[in-house]
Amino acid sequence: MSGLNNLGYFAGILDGEGSFFMEQNQKNYKTPTIACEMCDEDVILSLQDYFGVGHVNKFPPRKKKWKTSYRWRVRGANAVAILKICCKYFSIRRKEKANSLIKQFLDRRKHVV
């Protein structure tokens, strides 16, 4: 990707293909999460490599004519850090969602002292 603004490129992928949400575990603990799933393994592995965090999972085709897909997922403080640095590249809707998750994360941390 020589000559490209890598952060802008990956933020654009997350803006268009990613999901940002509060994930709840079995103990009702909620944590900010970023997930991005697609059939292009190289793009998913590039996200993990660029940001240096997260896990990649491989999923077999879920329907007859579908392809194998790959999902990169990041949770907690690492997800918040990524949202903060990518936010300036996001669309208005994604900025609002990212800022909401960041606020929820920071508010929760204030109460866990």
C-alpha atoms as a PDB file:
ATOM      1  CA  MET A   1       0.000   0.000   0.000  1.00  0.00           C
ATOM      2  CA  SER A   2       2.787   2.349  -0.810  1.00  0.00           C
ATOM      3  CA  GLY A   3       1.700   5.967  -0.969  1.00  0.00           C
ATOM      4  CA  LEU A   4      -1.663   5.416   0.685  1.00  0.00           C
ATOM      5  CA  ASN A   5      -2.802   6.883   3.965  1.00  0.00           C
ATOM      6  CA  ASN A   6      -2.967   3.539   5.742  1.00  0.00           C
ATOM      7  CA  LEU A   7      -5.013   4.803   8.695  1.00  0.00           C
ATOM      8  CA  GLY A   8      -7.539   6.403   6.350  1.00  0.00           C
ATOM      9  CA  TYR A   9      -7.686   3.218   4.275  1.00  0.00           C
ATOM     10  CA  PHE A  10      -8.351   0.939   7.250  1.00  0.00           C
ATOM     11  CA  ALA A  11     -10.761   3.424   8.843  1.00  0.00           C
ATOM     12  CA  GLY A  12     -12.663   3.407   5.544  1.00  0.00           C
ATOM     13  CA  ILE A  13     -12.911  -0.376   5.635  1.00  0.00           C
ATOM     14  CA  LEU A  14     -14.246  -0.233   9.186  1.00  0.00           C
ATOM     15  CA  ASP A  15     -16.656   2.566   8.265  1.00  0.00           C
ATOM     16  CA  GLY A  16     -18.080   0.576   5.368  1.00  0.00           C
ATOM     17  CA  GLU A  17     -17.775  -3.042   6.482  1.00  0.00           C
ATOM     18  CA  GLY A  18     -17.274  -2.950  10.254  1.00  0.00           C
ATOM     19  CA  SER A  19     -19.641  -3.250  13.182  1.00  0.00           C
ATOM     20  CA  PHE A  20     -19.230  -1.318  16.428  1.00  0.00           C
ATOM     21  CA  PHE A  21     -21.250  -2.472  19.419  1.00  0.00           C
ATOM     22  CA  MET A  22     -21.329  -3.271  23.128  1.00  0.00           C
ATOM     23  CA  GLU A  23     -20.914  -7.014  23.435  1.00  0.00           C
ATOM     24  CA  GLN A  24     -22.416  -8.709  26.478  1.00  0.00           C
ATOM     25  CA  ASN A  25     -20.945 -11.870  27.948  1.00  0.00           C
ATOM     26  CA  GLN A  26     -22.684 -14.554  30.010  1.00  0.00           C
ATOM     27  CA  LYS A  27     -22.097 -12.573  33.219  1.00  0.00           C
ATOM     28  CA  ASN A  28     -23.840  -9.487  31.734  1.00  0.00           C
ATOM     29  CA  TYR A  29     -20.527  -7.638  31.480  1.00  0.00           C
ATOM     30  CA  LYS A  30     -20.522  -5.327  28.448  1.00  0.00           C
ATOM     31  CA  THR A  31     -17.439  -4.367  26.487  1.00  0.00           C
ATOM     32  CA  PRO A  32     -16.970  -2.234  23.359  1.00  0.00           C
ATOM     33  CA  THR A  33     -16.298  -4.388  20.320  1.00  0.00           C
ATOM     34  CA  ILE A  34     -15.249  -3.831  16.719  1.00  0.00           C
ATOM     35  CA  ALA A  35     -15.889  -6.617  14.223  1.00  0.00           C
ATOM     36  CA  CYS A  36     -15.262  -6.734  10.505  1.00  0.00           C
ATOM     37  CA  GLU A  37     -16.196  -9.780   8.434  1.00  0.00           C
ATOM     38  CA  MET A  38     -15.703 -10.386   4.738  1.00  0.00           C
ATOM     39  CA  CYS A  39     -14.543 -12.991   2.220  1.00  0.00           C
ATOM     40  CA  ASP A  40     -11.230 -11.222   1.553  1.00  0.00           C
ATOM     41  CA  GLU A  41      -8.830 -12.907   3.960  1.00  0.00           C
ATOM     42  CA  ASP A  42      -5.954 -10.614   2.964  1.00  0.00           C
ATOM     43  CA  VAL A  43      -7.895  -7.494   3.979  1.00  0.00           C
ATOM     44  CA  ILE A  44      -8.905  -8.997   7.330  1.00  0.00           C
ATOM     45  CA  LEU A  45      -5.332 -10.075   8.070  1.00  0.00           C
ATOM     46  CA  SER A  46      -4.145  -6.595   7.068  1.00  0.00           C
ATOM     47  CA  LEU A  47      -6.478  -5.048   9.667  1.00  0.00           C
ATOM     48  CA  GLN A  48      -5.027  -7.284  12.352  1.00  0.00           C
ATOM     49  CA  ASP A  49      -1.475  -6.591  11.204  1.00  0.00           C
ATOM     50  CA  TYR A  50      -1.930  -2.817  10.927  1.00  0.00           C
ATOM     51  CA  PHE A  51      -3.555  -2.338  14.333  1.00  0.00           C
ATOM     52  CA  GLY A  52      -1.543  -5.110  15.994  1.00  0.00           C
ATOM     53  CA  VAL A  53      -4.483  -6.438  18.018  1.00  0.00           C
ATOM     54  CA  GLY A  54      -7.530  -8.614  17.689  1.00  0.00           C
ATOM     55  CA  HIS A  55      -8.338 -12.122  16.626  1.00  0.00           C
ATOM     56  CA  VAL A  56      -9.214 -13.525  13.210  1.00  0.00           C
ATOM     57  CA  ASN A  57     -11.698 -16.358  12.819  1.00  0.00           C
ATOM     58  CA  LYS A  58     -12.477 -18.343   9.681  1.00  0.00           C
ATOM     59  CA  PHE A  59     -16.071 -19.343   8.944  1.00  0.00           C
ATOM     60  CA  PRO A  60     -17.131 -21.939   6.391  1.00  0.00           C
ATOM     61  CA  PRO A  61     -19.807 -20.915   3.887  1.00  0.00           C
ATOM     62  CA  ARG A  62     -23.093 -20.476   5.769  1.00  0.00           C
ATOM     63  CA  LYS A  63     -25.213 -21.101   2.688  1.00  0.00           C
ATOM     64  CA  LYS A  64     -24.758 -23.213  -0.423  1.00  0.00           C
ATOM     65  CA  LYS A  65     -23.394 -20.558  -2.808  1.00  0.00           C
ATOM     66  CA  TRP A  66     -21.586 -18.433  -0.233  1.00  0.00           C
ATOM     67  CA  LYS A  67     -17.823 -18.240   0.224  1.00  0.00           C
ATOM     68  CA  THR A  68     -15.636 -18.771   3.267  1.00  0.00           C
ATOM     69  CA  SER A  69     -15.533 -15.607   5.370  1.00  0.00           C
ATOM     70  CA  TYR A  70     -13.041 -14.167   7.841  1.00  0.00           C
ATOM     71  CA  ARG A  71     -13.820 -12.012  10.866  1.00  0.00           C
ATOM     72  CA  TRP A  72     -11.459  -9.714  12.773  1.00  0.00           C
ATOM     73  CA  ARG A  73     -12.682  -8.808  16.240  1.00  0.00           C
ATOM     74  CA  VAL A  74     -11.244  -6.475  18.878  1.00  0.00           C
ATOM     75  CA  ARG A  75     -12.692  -5.838  22.333  1.00  0.00           C
ATOM     76  CA  GLY A  76     -12.283  -3.519  25.296  1.00  0.00           C
ATOM     77  CA  ALA A  77      -9.596  -0.875  25.613  1.00  0.00           C
ATOM     78  CA  ASN A  78      -8.001  -1.903  22.302  1.00  0.00           C
ATOM     79  CA  ALA A  79     -11.314  -1.367  20.479  1.00  0.00           C
ATOM     80  CA  VAL A  80     -11.700   2.051  22.111  1.00  0.00           C
ATOM     81  CA  ALA A  81      -8.151   3.040  21.108  1.00  0.00           C
ATOM     82  CA  ILE A  82      -8.854   2.090  17.486  1.00  0.00           C
ATOM     83  CA  LEU A  83     -12.163   3.968  17.467  1.00  0.00           C
ATOM     84  CA  LYS A  84     -10.424   7.081  18.813  1.00  0.00           C
ATOM     85  CA  ILE A  85      -7.732   7.156  16.129  1.00  0.00           C
ATOM     86  CA  CYS A  86     -10.098   6.262  13.260  1.00  0.00           C
ATOM     87  CA  CYS A  87     -12.985   8.521  14.249  1.00  0.00           C
ATOM     88  CA  LYS A  88     -11.861  11.499  12.159  1.00  0.00           C
ATOM     89  CA  TYR A  89     -12.250   9.359   9.002  1.00  0.00           C
ATOM     90  CA  PHE A  90     -15.694   7.950   9.821  1.00  0.00           C
ATOM     91  CA  SER A  91     -19.033   9.014   8.367  1.00  0.00           C
ATOM     92  CA  ILE A  92     -21.319  10.996  10.680  1.00  0.00           C
ATOM     93  CA  ARG A  93     -23.320   7.910  11.650  1.00  0.00           C
ATOM     94  CA  ARG A  94     -20.182   5.918  12.484  1.00  0.00           C
ATOM     95  CA  LYS A  95     -18.645   8.831  14.402  1.00  0.00           C
ATOM     96  CA  GLU A  96     -21.761   9.021  16.548  1.00  0.00           C
ATOM     97  CA  LYS A  97     -21.651   5.274  17.229  1.00  0.00           C
ATOM     98  CA  ALA A  98     -17.912   5.315  17.971  1.00  0.00           C
ATOM     99  CA  ASN A  99     -18.245   8.287  20.328  1.00  0.00           C
ATOM    100  CA  SER A 100     -21.149   6.598  22.112  1.00  0.00           C
ATOM    101  CA  LEU A 101     -19.102   3.421  22.701  1.00  0.00           C
ATOM    102  CA  ILE A 102     -16.085   5.420  23.868  1.00  0.00           C
ATOM    103  CA  LYS A 103     -18.265   7.374  26.318  1.00  0.00           C
ATOM    104  CA  GLN A 104     -19.889   4.206  27.687  1.00  0.00           C
ATOM    105  CA  PHE A 105     -16.471   2.628  28.172  1.00  0.00           C
ATOM    106  CA  LEU A 106     -15.017   5.672  29.946  1.00  0.00           C
ATOM    107  CA  ASP A 107     -18.125   6.157  32.114  1.00  0.00           C
ATOM    108  CA  ARG A 108     -18.010   2.525  33.185  1.00  0.00           C
ATOM    109  CA  ARG A 109     -14.338   2.775  34.080  1.00  0.00           C
ATOM    110  CA  LYS A 110     -15.040   5.774  36.326  1.00  0.00           C
ATOM    111  CA  HIS A 111     -17.380   3.593  38.388  1.00  0.00           C
ATOM    112  CA  VAL A 112     -14.929   0.686  38.702  1.00  0.00           C
ATOM    113  CA  VAL A 113     -12.471   2.310  41.077  1.00  0.00           C
END
